[in-house]
Amino acid sequence: MGTHKLRAAELVGVKMMRKCLIGLLMVLSGCSAIDRRVAEVEDHLDFFKTHQIESPSAFSPVRMRLIDRKGKAFLMRGKIPLYRDPLGFAYPELMEKAKELIGEGKEAPIGTPRLIVVSLLNHFTENVQIRVEREFFARNPAKGRFINIPLFGAPIGPEHFPKEIDDAIDDYMVDDLPEYVMRLKALLNENKEIPTVIYVHCQAGKDRTGELIGAYMMQEMGVSLERFLEINQGIVNNREISVFSENQLRWFEHLLKSRAP
């Protein structure tokens, strides 16, 4: 490996280590984010009790929403489309709800669309779920394809850098939202002639899903951050988005403002 490549690898390693240390310091500092994180854990526990114990085989599309469309391509959001016992991909239920959201009956029927799943799960703690989705499409390539874009959120928001915000954004905006929004936009445009559902999800369809869909709506649909947070809260039973995802969106908001003419 050449000297320049080694130097680039070192810089990436240092940058990632710095971000991890910042996140650890924030957790150890006893800041208000911990209270919100506890509420999120309780929310996940409630979901587990309801869906894992009382109805272990069920997948509920209650948080599915249609966000945007380009021709015959439809961008949707929701939670993880898996059965939990036994673990499997909930393709029939997901597509039934997707066709309902598209609104067959109000226009010429489009049949069963292709499905592109954009999973925001990570390989550190959610590798089993990622594998189930990836293997489904490996066995059923005619049904669509699987894309994994792990999101983590930002440990600190831009309000901590009132004077150095433009210098800090590259270090503290962990997720590359500008790139990921462009990928969603490209998926819509590439498939606008073919009936296609682009389904974005994390686990609960709340935080990471809210982060990426929020960035898309801010950039492509002109929705303000505060308005999006209201919309997101209404979808997820009045729970606030995680502090990490909100931090990331606030960095993205600053980026959009800095690029505005």
Protein backbone atom coordinates (compact mmCIF):
# COMPACT_ATOMS: atom_id res chain seq x y z
CA MET A 1 0.00 0.00 0.00
CA GLY A 2 1.38 3.42 -0.94
CA THR A 3 2.23 6.20 1.49
CA HIS A 4 -0.83 8.27 0.53
CA LYS A 5 -3.18 5.33 1.07
CA LEU A 6 -1.62 4.59 4.46
CA ARG A 7 -1.97 8.24 5.47
CA ALA A 8 -5.64 8.26 4.37
CA ALA A 9 -6.33 5.09 6.37
CA GLU A 10 -4.68 6.63 9.45
CA LEU A 11 -6.81 9.76 9.16
CA VAL A 12 -10.01 7.73 8.85
CA GLY A 13 -9.03 5.67 11.90
CA VAL A 14 -8.26 8.74 13.99
CA LYS A 15 -11.51 10.39 12.95
CA MET A 16 -13.62 7.36 13.87
CA MET A 17 -11.82 6.97 17.21
CA ARG A 18 -12.45 10.63 17.97
CA LYS A 19 -16.16 10.23 17.26
CA CYS A 20 -16.37 7.14 19.48
CA LEU A 21 -14.64 8.96 22.33
CA ILE A 22 -17.00 11.91 21.99
CA GLY A 23 -19.98 9.58 22.22
CA LEU A 24 -18.54 7.85 25.30
CA LEU A 25 -17.85 11.16 27.03
CA MET A 26 -21.39 12.31 26.36
CA VAL A 27 -22.83 9.18 27.94
CA LEU A 28 -20.51 9.40 30.97
CA SER A 29 -21.25 13.09 31.48
CA GLY A 30 -24.77 12.47 32.75
CA CYS A 31 -26.31 14.80 30.19
CA SER A 32 -30.05 14.98 29.52
CA ALA A 33 -29.69 12.63 26.56
CA ILE A 34 -29.62 9.72 29.03
CA ASP A 35 -33.18 10.39 30.16
CA ARG A 36 -34.34 10.31 26.55
CA ARG A 37 -32.34 7.14 25.93
CA VAL A 38 -34.05 5.45 28.90
CA ALA A 39 -37.44 6.35 27.40
CA GLU A 40 -36.34 4.82 24.10
CA VAL A 41 -35.31 1.57 25.83
CA GLU A 42 -38.68 1.45 27.58
CA ASP A 43 -40.37 1.96 24.21
CA HIS A 44 -38.46 -0.99 22.75
CA LEU A 45 -39.35 -3.13 25.78
CA ASP A 46 -43.04 -2.28 25.35
CA PHE A 47 -42.82 -3.23 21.70
CA PHE A 48 -41.09 -6.51 22.61
CA LYS A 49 -43.76 -7.41 25.16
CA THR A 50 -46.56 -6.66 22.72
CA HIS A 51 -45.20 -8.27 19.57
CA GLN A 52 -42.76 -10.88 20.81
CA ILE A 53 -44.82 -12.45 23.58
CA GLU A 54 -48.48 -11.77 22.84
CA SER A 55 -48.27 -12.21 19.03
CA PRO A 56 -44.83 -13.68 18.26
CA SER A 57 -45.49 -14.31 14.56
CA ALA A 58 -47.02 -10.94 13.70
CA PHE A 59 -45.57 -8.13 11.62
CA SER A 60 -47.56 -4.91 11.97
CA PRO A 61 -47.19 -2.26 9.25
CA VAL A 62 -48.80 0.37 11.50
CA ARG A 63 -45.90 2.82 11.03
CA MET A 64 -45.71 2.47 7.25
CA ARG A 65 -46.14 5.76 5.39
CA LEU A 66 -45.88 6.88 1.77
CA ILE A 67 -43.36 9.73 1.64
CA ASP A 68 -42.83 10.58 -2.03
CA ARG A 69 -43.23 9.23 -5.56
CA LYS A 70 -41.59 9.68 -8.94
CA GLY A 71 -43.69 8.16 -11.70
CA LYS A 72 -44.26 4.55 -10.69
CA ALA A 73 -41.62 4.55 -7.93
CA PHE A 74 -42.80 5.07 -4.34
CA LEU A 75 -40.68 5.97 -1.31
CA MET A 76 -42.03 4.55 1.96
CA ARG A 77 -40.91 4.28 5.56
CA GLY A 78 -41.70 1.85 8.36
CA LYS A 79 -40.27 -0.56 10.89
CA ILE A 80 -38.39 -3.80 10.39
CA PRO A 81 -40.45 -6.14 8.15
CA LEU A 82 -39.66 -9.40 9.93
CA TYR A 83 -41.67 -12.12 11.59
CA ARG A 84 -40.16 -12.81 14.99
CA ASP A 85 -41.02 -16.44 15.70
CA PRO A 86 -39.76 -18.01 13.57
CA LEU A 87 -37.58 -15.23 12.19
CA GLY A 88 -38.47 -14.50 8.58
CA PHE A 89 -39.18 -11.74 6.05
CA ALA A 90 -42.79 -10.48 6.09
CA TYR A 91 -43.06 -9.97 2.33
CA PRO A 92 -46.84 -10.58 1.90
CA GLU A 93 -47.88 -8.19 4.69
CA LEU A 94 -45.40 -5.54 3.61
CA MET A 95 -46.54 -5.58 -0.01
CA GLU A 96 -50.23 -5.66 0.92
CA LYS A 97 -49.81 -2.47 2.94
CA ALA A 98 -47.62 -0.91 0.25
CA LYS A 99 -50.30 -1.42 -2.40
CA GLU A 100 -52.88 0.04 -0.02
CA LEU A 101 -50.73 3.16 0.42
CA ILE A 102 -50.19 3.45 -3.32
CA GLY A 103 -53.95 3.54 -3.66
CA GLU A 104 -54.92 0.91 -6.18
CA GLY A 105 -58.49 1.54 -7.22
CA LYS A 106 -57.91 5.28 -7.51
CA GLU A 107 -55.77 4.78 -10.61
CA ALA A 108 -54.90 2.03 -13.07
CA PRO A 109 -53.69 -1.06 -11.13
CA ILE A 110 -49.92 -1.50 -11.16
CA GLY A 111 -49.85 -5.15 -10.06
CA THR A 112 -47.24 -6.23 -7.52
CA PRO A 113 -44.35 -3.72 -7.50
CA ARG A 114 -40.69 -4.61 -7.19
CA LEU A 115 -39.40 -4.06 -3.67
CA ILE A 116 -36.14 -2.33 -2.79
CA VAL A 117 -35.46 -2.56 0.92
CA VAL A 118 -33.13 0.09 2.38
CA SER A 119 -32.14 -1.20 5.81
CA LEU A 120 -30.49 1.18 8.28
CA LEU A 121 -29.44 -1.62 10.66
CA ASN A 122 -25.81 -2.14 11.66
CA HIS A 123 -23.62 -5.24 11.60
CA PHE A 124 -22.45 -4.83 15.20
CA THR A 125 -25.74 -5.66 16.93
CA GLU A 126 -28.25 -6.45 14.16
CA ASN A 127 -26.39 -8.80 11.85
CA VAL A 128 -28.96 -11.61 12.22
CA GLN A 129 -31.81 -9.42 10.96
CA ILE A 130 -29.65 -8.10 8.11
CA ARG A 131 -28.85 -11.65 7.06
CA VAL A 132 -32.52 -12.68 7.02
CA GLU A 133 -33.44 -9.83 4.68
CA ARG A 134 -30.41 -10.30 2.43
CA GLU A 135 -31.04 -14.04 2.12
CA PHE A 136 -34.69 -13.47 1.22
CA PHE A 137 -33.72 -11.45 -1.84
CA ALA A 138 -30.89 -13.84 -2.70
CA ARG A 139 -33.55 -16.58 -2.93
CA ASN A 140 -36.10 -14.31 -4.65
CA PRO A 141 -34.17 -11.93 -6.95
CA ALA A 142 -37.26 -11.27 -9.10
CA LYS A 143 -38.99 -9.66 -6.11
CA GLY A 144 -36.38 -6.90 -5.73
CA ARG A 145 -33.17 -6.24 -3.87
CA PHE A 146 -31.64 -5.34 -0.51
CA ILE A 147 -29.48 -2.33 0.37
CA ASN A 148 -27.84 -1.77 3.76
CA ILE A 149 -26.94 1.77 4.88
CA PRO A 150 -26.01 1.63 8.59
CA LEU A 151 -26.90 4.80 10.51
CA PHE A 152 -25.64 5.76 13.96
CA GLY A 153 -26.58 9.38 14.57
CA ALA A 154 -24.33 12.12 15.97
CA PRO A 155 -23.23 12.26 19.62
CA ILE A 156 -23.17 16.07 19.74
CA GLY A 157 -25.24 18.70 17.92
CA PRO A 158 -24.09 21.92 16.26
CA GLU A 159 -25.38 24.08 19.11
CA HIS A 160 -22.17 23.19 20.98
CA PHE A 161 -20.07 24.95 18.32
CA PRO A 162 -21.55 28.44 17.89
CA LYS A 163 -18.29 29.88 16.51
CA GLU A 164 -16.55 26.87 14.97
CA ILE A 165 -19.59 25.15 13.45
CA ASP A 166 -18.28 25.05 9.87
CA ASP A 167 -14.98 23.57 11.03
CA ALA A 168 -16.69 21.02 13.28
CA ILE A 169 -19.27 19.66 10.85
CA ASP A 170 -16.91 17.24 9.14
CA ASP A 171 -15.86 15.69 12.46
CA TYR A 172 -19.23 15.49 14.18
CA MET A 173 -21.70 14.78 11.36
CA VAL A 174 -21.16 11.02 11.59
CA ASP A 175 -23.68 9.77 9.01
CA ASP A 176 -23.19 10.96 5.43
CA LEU A 177 -26.77 12.15 4.98
CA PRO A 178 -26.10 14.20 1.81
CA GLU A 179 -24.83 11.04 0.08
CA TYR A 180 -27.66 8.86 1.41
CA VAL A 181 -30.36 11.32 0.37
CA MET A 182 -28.87 11.38 -3.13
CA ARG A 183 -29.01 7.57 -3.18
CA LEU A 184 -32.72 7.61 -2.31
CA LYS A 185 -33.34 10.23 -4.96
CA ALA A 186 -31.44 8.15 -7.53
CA LEU A 187 -33.43 5.02 -6.63
CA LEU A 188 -36.68 6.89 -7.23
CA ASN A 189 -35.54 8.34 -10.56
CA GLU A 190 -34.00 5.09 -11.81
CA ASN A 191 -37.21 3.15 -11.19
CA LYS A 192 -39.88 5.68 -12.11
CA GLU A 193 -40.90 3.69 -15.20
CA ILE A 194 -41.19 0.40 -13.30
CA PRO A 195 -43.65 -0.14 -10.40
CA THR A 196 -41.26 -0.08 -7.44
CA VAL A 197 -41.54 0.36 -3.68
CA ILE A 198 -38.45 1.71 -1.92
CA TYR A 199 -38.92 0.81 1.72
CA VAL A 200 -36.67 2.48 4.33
CA HIS A 201 -36.58 0.94 7.80
CA CYS A 202 -34.62 0.47 11.01
CA GLN A 203 -35.90 -1.55 13.99
CA ALA A 204 -38.84 0.51 15.25
CA GLY A 205 -39.18 2.85 12.27
CA LYS A 206 -38.61 5.80 14.57
CA ASP A 207 -35.06 7.10 15.04
CA ARG A 208 -32.73 6.06 12.21
CA THR A 209 -35.66 5.89 9.80
CA GLY A 210 -36.69 9.35 10.97
CA GLU A 211 -33.15 10.58 10.46
CA LEU A 212 -32.84 9.53 6.81
CA ILE A 213 -36.44 10.27 5.82
CA GLY A 214 -36.24 13.59 7.64
CA ALA A 215 -33.12 14.54 5.69
CA TYR A 216 -34.84 13.55 2.44
CA MET A 217 -37.96 15.59 3.23
CA MET A 218 -35.88 18.60 4.23
CA GLN A 219 -33.76 18.57 1.08
CA GLU A 220 -36.18 17.31 -1.55
CA MET A 221 -39.59 18.42 -0.25
CA GLY A 222 -38.76 21.68 1.53
CA VAL A 223 -40.01 20.50 4.94
CA SER A 224 -38.45 22.33 7.91
CA LEU A 225 -36.70 20.30 10.60
CA GLU A 226 -39.14 21.36 13.30
CA ARG A 227 -42.12 20.41 11.13
CA PHE A 228 -40.56 17.05 10.35
CA LEU A 229 -40.00 16.32 14.04
CA GLU A 230 -43.71 16.93 14.60
CA ILE A 231 -44.62 14.61 11.73
CA ASN A 232 -42.26 11.90 12.98
CA GLN A 233 -43.59 12.14 16.52
CA GLY A 234 -47.13 11.68 15.23
CA ILE A 235 -46.16 8.49 13.41
CA VAL A 236 -44.44 6.85 16.39
CA ASN A 237 -46.99 7.18 19.19
CA ASN A 238 -45.87 10.63 20.31
CA ARG A 239 -42.32 9.52 21.17
CA GLU A 240 -39.49 11.94 20.44
CA ILE A 241 -36.78 10.97 17.97
CA SER A 242 -33.53 9.86 19.63
CA VAL A 243 -31.12 12.61 20.60
CA PHE A 244 -28.47 11.09 18.32
CA SER A 245 -30.71 11.16 15.26
CA GLU A 246 -31.91 14.66 16.09
CA ASN A 247 -28.30 15.84 16.44
CA GLN A 248 -27.55 14.41 13.01
CA LEU A 249 -30.54 16.19 11.50
CA ARG A 250 -29.48 19.49 13.07
CA TRP A 251 -26.06 19.15 11.45
CA PHE A 252 -27.80 18.41 8.15
CA GLU A 253 -30.05 21.45 8.61
CA HIS A 254 -26.99 23.66 9.07
CA LEU A 255 -25.42 22.13 5.97
CA LEU A 256 -28.50 22.90 3.87
CA LYS A 257 -28.59 26.49 5.14
CA SER A 258 -24.91 26.98 4.41
CA ARG A 259 -25.48 25.83 0.81
CA ALA A 260 -28.53 28.01 0.23
CA PRO A 261 -28.02 30.96 -2.17
